[in-house]
């Protein structure tokens, strides 16, 4: 029947963060987190620090070919997702 079907909806990271942000400290403690050191809303990254290019310079491959270092590739993967 239609009543027994589950409704599915997409939950954005921003909405999940808003929900987790409203969890009280007492409830956090019940969930096993000490609010002084960890809160549920801290589990979602809201700011991603990106180091400057001087910290992650291009790697010179064999010959004259240049390639970005591994950190730059991983940062690009994170930003794309």
PDB file of N, CA and C in Angstrom:
ATOM      1  N   UNK A   1       0.840  -1.186   0.000  1.00  0.00           N
ATOM      2  CA  UNK A   1       0.000   0.000   0.000  1.00  0.00           C
ATOM      3  C   UNK A   1       0.880   1.243   0.000  1.00  0.00           C
ATOM      4  N   UNK A   2       0.268   2.363  -0.290  1.00  0.00           N
ATOM      5  CA  UNK A   2       1.010   3.617  -0.329  1.00  0.00           C
ATOM      6  C   UNK A   2       1.461   4.057   1.056  1.00  0.00           C
ATOM      7  N   UNK A   3       0.703   3.730   2.087  1.00  0.00           N
ATOM      8  CA  UNK A   3       1.043   4.150   3.442  1.00  0.00           C
ATOM      9  C   UNK A   3       2.317   3.485   3.943  1.00  0.00           C
ATOM     10  N   UNK A   4       2.600   2.278   3.472  1.00  0.00           N
ATOM     11  CA  UNK A   4       3.767   1.551   3.968  1.00  0.00           C
ATOM     12  C   UNK A   4       5.046   1.907   3.215  1.00  0.00           C
ATOM     13  N   UNK A   5       4.949   2.685   2.146  1.00  0.00           N
ATOM     14  CA  UNK A   5       6.141   3.068   1.398  1.00  0.00           C
ATOM     15  C   UNK A   5       6.890   4.162   2.142  1.00  0.00           C
ATOM     16  N   UNK A   6       8.218   4.042   2.103  1.00  0.00           N
ATOM     17  CA  UNK A   6       9.046   5.044   2.766  1.00  0.00           C
ATOM     18  C   UNK A   6       9.209   6.258   1.870  1.00  0.00           C
ATOM     19  N   UNK A   7       9.195   7.425   2.480  1.00  0.00           N
ATOM     20  CA  UNK A   7       9.474   8.647   1.744  1.00  0.00           C
ATOM     21  C   UNK A   7      10.960   8.922   1.858  1.00  0.00           C
ATOM     22  N   UNK A   8      11.603   9.162   0.738  1.00  0.00           N
ATOM     23  CA  UNK A   8      13.024   9.468   0.744  1.00  0.00           C
ATOM     24  C   UNK A   8      13.218  10.888   0.256  1.00  0.00           C
ATOM     25  N   UNK A   9      14.133  11.587   0.905  1.00  0.00           N
ATOM     26  CA  UNK A   9      14.474  12.930   0.462  1.00  0.00           C
ATOM     27  C   UNK A   9      15.974  13.133   0.638  1.00  0.00           C
ATOM     28  N   UNK A  10      16.504  14.048  -0.123  1.00  0.00           N
ATOM     29  CA  UNK A  10      17.936  14.336  -0.063  1.00  0.00           C
ATOM     30  C   UNK A  10      18.191  15.299   1.087  1.00  0.00           C
ATOM     31  N   UNK A  11      19.183  14.965   1.894  1.00  0.00           N
ATOM     32  CA  UNK A  11      19.566  15.799   3.030  1.00  0.00           C
ATOM     33  C   UNK A  11      20.923  16.415   2.713  1.00  0.00           C
ATOM     34  N   UNK A  12      20.961  17.730   2.570  1.00  0.00           N
ATOM     35  CA  UNK A  12      22.220  18.402   2.252  1.00  0.00           C
ATOM     36  C   UNK A  12      23.112  18.447   3.490  1.00  0.00           C
ATOM     37  N   UNK A  13      24.391  18.636   3.264  1.00  0.00           N
ATOM     38  CA  UNK A  13      25.336  18.737   4.376  1.00  0.00           C
ATOM     39  C   UNK A  13      25.012  19.947   5.244  1.00  0.00           C
ATOM     40  N   UNK A  14      24.575  21.024   4.619  1.00  0.00           N
ATOM     41  CA  UNK A  14      24.224  22.231   5.375  1.00  0.00           C
ATOM     42  C   UNK A  14      23.034  21.976   6.300  1.00  0.00           C
ATOM     43  N   UNK A  15      22.037  21.272   5.798  1.00  0.00           N
ATOM     44  CA  UNK A  15      20.858  20.961   6.624  1.00  0.00           C
ATOM     45  C   UNK A  15      21.225  19.999   7.748  1.00  0.00           C
ATOM     46  N   UNK A  16      22.063  19.006   7.445  1.00  0.00           N
ATOM     47  CA  UNK A  16      22.519  18.066   8.477  1.00  0.00           C
ATOM     48  C   UNK A  16      23.277  18.815   9.563  1.00  0.00           C
ATOM     49  N   UNK A  17      24.122  19.771   9.159  1.00  0.00           N
ATOM     50  CA  UNK A  17      24.878  20.568  10.126  1.00  0.00           C
ATOM     51  C   UNK A  17      23.936  21.389  11.002  1.00  0.00           C
ATOM     52  N   UNK A  18      22.891  21.969  10.409  1.00  0.00           N
ATOM     53  CA  UNK A  18      21.910  22.734  11.185  1.00  0.00           C
ATOM     54  C   UNK A  18      21.217  21.850  12.220  1.00  0.00           C
ATOM     55  N   UNK A  19      20.858  20.645  11.832  1.00  0.00           N
ATOM     56  CA  UNK A  19      20.200  19.715  12.761  1.00  0.00           C
ATOM     57  C   UNK A  19      21.149  19.353  13.899  1.00  0.00           C
ATOM     58  N   UNK A  20      22.383  18.992  13.553  1.00  0.00           N
ATOM     59  CA  UNK A  20      23.359  18.594  14.571  1.00  0.00           C
ATOM     60  C   UNK A  20      23.738  19.756  15.484  1.00  0.00           C
ATOM     61  N   UNK A  21      23.738  20.969  14.948  1.00  0.00           N
ATOM     62  CA  UNK A  21      24.093  22.160  15.732  1.00  0.00           C
ATOM     63  C   UNK A  21      23.100  22.403  16.867  1.00  0.00           C
ATOM     64  N   UNK A  22      21.857  21.990  16.673  1.00  0.00           N
ATOM     65  CA  UNK A  22      20.821  22.228  17.681  1.00  0.00           C
ATOM     66  C   UNK A  22      20.762  21.147  18.765  1.00  0.00           C
ATOM     67  N   UNK A  23      21.660  20.186  18.713  1.00  0.00           N
ATOM     68  CA  UNK A  23      21.714  19.171  19.775  1.00  0.00           C
ATOM     69  C   UNK A  23      22.311  19.818  21.020  1.00  0.00           C
ATOM     70  N   UNK A  24      21.621  19.703  22.124  1.00  0.00           N
ATOM     71  CA  UNK A  24      22.075  20.312  23.378  1.00  0.00           C
ATOM     72  C   UNK A  24      23.268  19.550  23.943  1.00  0.00           C
ATOM     73  N   UNK A  25      24.022  20.224  24.821  1.00  0.00           N
ATOM     74  CA  UNK A  25      25.203  19.606  25.433  1.00  0.00           C
ATOM     75  C   UNK A  25      24.837  18.341  26.208  1.00  0.00           C
ATOM     76  N   UNK A  26      23.700  18.368  26.897  1.00  0.00           N
ATOM     77  CA  UNK A  26      23.279  17.192  27.661  1.00  0.00           C
ATOM     78  C   UNK A  26      23.026  16.007  26.725  1.00  0.00           C
ATOM     79  N   UNK A  27      22.406  16.290  25.585  1.00  0.00           N
ATOM     80  CA  UNK A  27      22.136  15.233  24.605  1.00  0.00           C
ATOM     81  C   UNK A  27      23.434  14.728  23.975  1.00  0.00           C
ATOM     82  N   UNK A  28      24.385  15.635  23.772  1.00  0.00           N
ATOM     83  CA  UNK A  28      25.705  15.240  23.252  1.00  0.00           C
ATOM     84  C   UNK A  28      26.378  14.275  24.214  1.00  0.00           C
ATOM     85  N   UNK A  29      26.255  14.573  25.492  1.00  0.00           N
ATOM     86  CA  UNK A  29      26.859  13.716  26.512  1.00  0.00           C
ATOM     87  C   UNK A  29      26.217  12.329  26.493  1.00  0.00           C
ATOM     88  N   UNK A  30      24.896  12.277  26.313  1.00  0.00           N
ATOM     89  CA  UNK A  30      24.189  10.993  26.229  1.00  0.00           C
ATOM     90  C   UNK A  30      24.672  10.197  25.018  1.00  0.00           C
ATOM     91  N   UNK A  31      25.007  10.900  23.938  1.00  0.00           N
ATOM     92  CA  UNK A  31      25.518  10.251  22.729  1.00  0.00           C
ATOM     93  C   UNK A  31      26.969   9.789  22.879  1.00  0.00           C
ATOM     94  N   UNK A  32      27.572  10.096  24.040  1.00  0.00           N
ATOM     95  CA  UNK A  32      28.937   9.645  24.293  1.00  0.00           C
ATOM     96  C   UNK A  32      29.996  10.672  23.948  1.00  0.00           C
ATOM     97  N   UNK A  33      29.600  11.923  23.759  1.00  0.00           N
ATOM     98  CA  UNK A  33      30.554  12.980  23.425  1.00  0.00           C
ATOM     99  C   UNK A  33      30.633  13.977  24.560  1.00  0.00           C
ATOM    100  N   UNK A  34      31.844  14.321  24.955  1.00  0.00           N
ATOM    101  CA  UNK A  34      32.034  15.375  25.944  1.00  0.00           C
ATOM    102  C   UNK A  34      31.992  16.698  25.188  1.00  0.00           C
ATOM    103  N   UNK A  35      30.985  17.541  25.429  1.00  0.00           N
ATOM    104  CA  UNK A  35      30.830  18.774  24.657  1.00  0.00           C
ATOM    105  C   UNK A  35      32.014  19.733  24.753  1.00  0.00           C
ATOM    106  N   UNK A  36      32.872  19.544  25.752  1.00  0.00           N
ATOM    107  CA  UNK A  36      34.071  20.385  25.836  1.00  0.00           C
ATOM    108  C   UNK A  36      35.052  20.052  24.720  1.00  0.00           C
ATOM    109  N   UNK A  37      35.038  18.797  24.276  1.00  0.00           N
ATOM    110  CA  UNK A  37      36.031  18.331  23.313  1.00  0.00           C
ATOM    111  C   UNK A  37      35.441  17.912  21.973  1.00  0.00           C
ATOM    112  N   UNK A  38      34.181  17.529  21.936  1.00  0.00           N
ATOM    113  CA  UNK A  38      33.575  17.059  20.683  1.00  0.00           C
ATOM    114  C   UNK A  38      32.072  17.289  20.699  1.00  0.00           C
ATOM    115  N   UNK A  39      31.570  17.780  19.590  1.00  0.00           N
ATOM    116  CA  UNK A  39      30.132  17.959  19.421  1.00  0.00           C
ATOM    117  C   UNK A  39      29.734  17.335  18.089  1.00  0.00           C
ATOM    118  N   UNK A  40      28.496  16.890  17.960  1.00  0.00           N
ATOM    119  CA  UNK A  40      28.072  16.269  16.701  1.00  0.00           C
ATOM    120  C   UNK A  40      28.240  17.183  15.481  1.00  0.00           C
ATOM    121  N   UNK A  41      27.976  18.489  15.645  1.00  0.00           N
ATOM    122  CA  UNK A  41      28.089  19.399  14.498  1.00  0.00           C
ATOM    123  C   UNK A  41      29.535  19.618  14.061  1.00  0.00           C
ATOM    124  N   UNK A  42      30.489  19.280  14.908  1.00  0.00           N
ATOM    125  CA  UNK A  42      31.901  19.400  14.533  1.00  0.00           C
ATOM    126  C   UNK A  42      32.325  18.295  13.572  1.00  0.00           C
ATOM    127  N   UNK A  43      31.478  17.304  13.349  1.00  0.00           N
ATOM    128  CA  UNK A  43      31.823  16.185  12.464  1.00  0.00           C
ATOM    129  C   UNK A  43      31.663  16.542  10.989  1.00  0.00           C
ATOM    130  N   UNK A  44      31.081  17.705  10.710  1.00  0.00           N
ATOM    131  CA  UNK A  44      30.913  18.159   9.328  1.00  0.00           C
ATOM    132  C   UNK A  44      31.855  19.336   9.100  1.00  0.00           C
ATOM    133  N   UNK A  45      32.685  19.226   8.081  1.00  0.00           N
ATOM    134  CA  UNK A  45      33.655  20.284   7.773  1.00  0.00           C
ATOM    135  C   UNK A  45      32.913  21.474   7.173  1.00  0.00           C
ATOM    136  N   UNK A  46      33.061  22.642   7.813  1.00  0.00           N
ATOM    137  CA  UNK A  46      32.441  23.858   7.293  1.00  0.00           C
ATOM    138  C   UNK A  46      33.477  24.802   6.700  1.00  0.00           C
ATOM    139  N   UNK A  47      34.735  24.633   7.088  1.00  0.00           N
ATOM    140  CA  UNK A  47      35.837  25.440   6.561  1.00  0.00           C
ATOM    141  C   UNK A  47      36.959  24.492   6.182  1.00  0.00           C
ATOM    142  N   UNK A  48      37.460  24.625   4.969  1.00  0.00           N
ATOM    143  CA  UNK A  48      38.556  23.781   4.508  1.00  0.00           C
ATOM    144  C   UNK A  48      39.765  24.667   4.237  1.00  0.00           C
ATOM    145  N   UNK A  49      40.756  24.636   5.129  1.00  0.00           N
ATOM    146  CA  UNK A  49      41.952  25.444   4.880  1.00  0.00           C
ATOM    147  C   UNK A  49      42.739  24.871   3.703  1.00  0.00           C
ATOM    148  N   UNK A  50      43.129  25.738   2.800  1.00  0.00           N
ATOM    149  CA  UNK A  50      43.908  25.327   1.629  1.00  0.00           C
ATOM    150  C   UNK A  50      45.274  25.991   1.717  1.00  0.00           C
ATOM    151  N   UNK A  51      46.334  25.185   1.820  1.00  0.00           N
ATOM    152  CA  UNK A  51      47.674  25.769   1.911  1.00  0.00           C
ATOM    153  C   UNK A  51      48.072  26.438   0.596  1.00  0.00           C
ATOM    154  N   UNK A  52      48.896  27.481   0.674  1.00  0.00           N
ATOM    155  CA  UNK A  52      49.314  28.174  -0.549  1.00  0.00           C
ATOM    156  C   UNK A  52      50.190  27.283  -1.435  1.00  0.00           C
ATOM    157  N   UNK A  53      50.322  27.684  -2.689  1.00  0.00           N
ATOM    158  CA  UNK A  53      51.102  26.902  -3.646  1.00  0.00           C
ATOM    159  C   UNK A  53      52.559  26.736  -3.223  1.00  0.00           C
ATOM    160  N   UNK A  54      53.086  27.681  -2.464  1.00  0.00           N
ATOM    161  CA  UNK A  54      54.488  27.563  -2.035  1.00  0.00           C
ATOM    162  C   UNK A  54      54.698  26.354  -1.127  1.00  0.00           C
ATOM    163  N   UNK A  55      53.652  25.905  -0.460  1.00  0.00           N
ATOM    164  CA  UNK A  55      53.736  24.736   0.410  1.00  0.00           C
ATOM    165  C   UNK A  55      53.545  23.451  -0.390  1.00  0.00           C
ATOM    166  N   UNK A  56      52.859  23.548  -1.509  1.00  0.00           N
ATOM    167  CA  UNK A  56      52.599  22.376  -2.349  1.00  0.00           C
ATOM    168  C   UNK A  56      53.025  22.659  -3.792  1.00  0.00           C
ATOM    169  N   UNK A  57      54.329  22.800  -4.011  1.00  0.00           N
ATOM    170  CA  UNK A  57      54.828  23.178  -5.343  1.00  0.00           C
ATOM    171  C   UNK A  57      54.641  22.064  -6.370  1.00  0.00           C
ATOM    172  N   UNK A  58      54.738  22.457  -7.631  1.00  0.00           N
ATOM    173  CA  UNK A  58      54.635  21.492  -8.726  1.00  0.00           C
ATOM    174  C   UNK A  58      55.847  20.566  -8.695  1.00  0.00           C
ATOM    175  N   UNK A  59      55.622  19.325  -9.078  1.00  0.00           N
ATOM    176  CA  UNK A  59      56.679  18.316  -9.110  1.00  0.00           C
ATOM    177  C   UNK A  59      57.169  18.205 -10.551  1.00  0.00           C
ATOM    178  N   UNK A  60      58.482  18.263 -10.720  1.00  0.00           N
ATOM    179  CA  UNK A  60      59.048  18.122 -12.060  1.00  0.00           C
ATOM    180  C   UNK A  60      59.258  16.641 -12.337  1.00  0.00           C
ATOM    181  N   UNK A  61      58.601  16.173 -13.383  1.00  0.00           N
ATOM    182  CA  UNK A  61      58.694  14.769 -13.764  1.00  0.00           C
ATOM    183  C   UNK A  61      59.916  14.576 -14.660  1.00  0.00           C
ATOM    184  N   UNK A  62      60.096  13.385 -15.153  1.00  0.00           N
ATOM    185  CA  UNK A  62      61.206  13.098 -16.058  1.00  0.00           C
ATOM    186  C   UNK A  62      61.121  14.013 -17.272  1.00  0.00           C
ATOM    187  N   UNK A  63      62.227  14.570 -17.640  1.00  0.00           N
ATOM    188  CA  UNK A  63      62.234  15.514 -18.751  1.00  0.00           C
ATOM    189  C   UNK A  63      61.849  16.884 -18.238  1.00  0.00           C
ATOM    190  N   UNK A  64      60.975  17.549 -18.948  1.00  0.00           N
ATOM    191  CA  UNK A  64      60.572  18.899 -18.538  1.00  0.00           C
ATOM    192  C   UNK A  64      59.103  18.967 -18.125  1.00  0.00           C
ATOM    193  N   UNK A  65      58.451  17.821 -18.053  1.00  0.00           N
ATOM    194  CA  UNK A  65      57.026  17.807 -17.697  1.00  0.00           C
ATOM    195  C   UNK A  65      56.835  18.145 -16.221  1.00  0.00           C
ATOM    196  N   UNK A  66      55.817  18.953 -15.936  1.00  0.00           N
ATOM    197  CA  UNK A  66      55.486  19.314 -14.554  1.00  0.00           C
ATOM    198  C   UNK A  66      54.147  18.684 -14.194  1.00  0.00           C
ATOM    199  N   UNK A  67      54.013  18.356 -12.942  1.00  0.00           N
ATOM    200  CA  UNK A  67      52.765  17.790 -12.446  1.00  0.00           C
ATOM    201  C   UNK A  67      52.514  18.362 -11.058  1.00  0.00           C
ATOM    202  N   UNK A  68      51.257  18.463 -10.669  1.00  0.00           N
ATOM    203  CA  UNK A  68      50.933  18.950  -9.329  1.00  0.00           C
ATOM    204  C   UNK A  68      51.246  17.870  -8.302  1.00  0.00           C
ATOM    205  N   UNK A  69      51.568  18.289  -7.088  1.00  0.00           N
ATOM    206  CA  UNK A  69      51.879  17.307  -6.045  1.00  0.00           C
ATOM    207  C   UNK A  69      50.603  16.610  -5.571  1.00  0.00           C
ATOM    208  N   UNK A  70      50.778  15.574  -4.775  1.00  0.00           N
ATOM    209  CA  UNK A  70      49.648  14.747  -4.320  1.00  0.00           C
ATOM    210  C   UNK A  70      48.632  15.545  -3.511  1.00  0.00           C
ATOM    211  N   UNK A  71      49.106  16.480  -2.681  1.00  0.00           N
ATOM    212  CA  UNK A  71      48.194  17.276  -1.859  1.00  0.00           C
ATOM    213  C   UNK A  71      47.255  18.105  -2.731  1.00  0.00           C
ATOM    214  N   UNK A  72      47.782  18.686  -3.788  1.00  0.00           N
ATOM    215  CA  UNK A  72      46.952  19.476  -4.699  1.00  0.00           C
ATOM    216  C   UNK A  72      45.890  18.603  -5.353  1.00  0.00           C
ATOM    217  N   UNK A  73      46.260  17.392  -5.758  1.00  0.00           N
ATOM    218  CA  UNK A  73      45.291  16.474  -6.358  1.00  0.00           C
ATOM    219  C   UNK A  73      44.197  16.098  -5.353  1.00  0.00           C
ATOM    220  N   UNK A  74      44.567  15.843  -4.106  1.00  0.00           N
ATOM    221  CA  UNK A  74      43.572  15.476  -3.085  1.00  0.00           C
ATOM    222  C   UNK A  74      42.644  16.648  -2.777  1.00  0.00           C
ATOM    223  N   UNK A  75      43.194  17.864  -2.699  1.00  0.00           N
ATOM    224  CA  UNK A  75      42.355  19.041  -2.465  1.00  0.00           C
ATOM    225  C   UNK A  75      41.351  19.211  -3.601  1.00  0.00           C
ATOM    226  N   UNK A  76      41.790  18.988  -4.830  1.00  0.00           N
ATOM    227  CA  UNK A  76      40.882  19.087  -5.978  1.00  0.00           C
ATOM    228  C   UNK A  76      39.778  18.034  -5.877  1.00  0.00           C
ATOM    229  N   UNK A  77      40.118  16.827  -5.455  1.00  0.00           N
ATOM    230  CA  UNK A  77      39.112  15.769  -5.288  1.00  0.00           C
ATOM    231  C   UNK A  77      38.065  16.164  -4.248  1.00  0.00           C
ATOM    232  N   UNK A  78      38.529  16.744  -3.136  1.00  0.00           N
ATOM    233  CA  UNK A  78      37.608  17.149  -2.063  1.00  0.00           C
ATOM    234  C   UNK A  78      36.684  18.258  -2.545  1.00  0.00           C
ATOM    235  N   UNK A  79      37.243  19.236  -3.233  1.00  0.00           N
ATOM    236  CA  UNK A  79      36.444  20.371  -3.695  1.00  0.00           C
ATOM    237  C   UNK A  79      35.426  19.934  -4.744  1.00  0.00           C
ATOM    238  N   UNK A  80      35.788  18.980  -5.598  1.00  0.00           N
ATOM    239  CA  UNK A  80      34.869  18.491  -6.634  1.00  0.00           C
ATOM    240  C   UNK A  80      33.694  17.722  -6.043  1.00  0.00           C
ATOM    241  N   UNK A  81      33.899  17.075  -4.903  1.00  0.00           N
ATOM    242  CA  UNK A  81      32.827  16.240  -4.350  1.00  0.00           C
ATOM    243  C   UNK A  81      31.812  17.018  -3.560  1.00  0.00           C
TER     244      UNK A  81
END
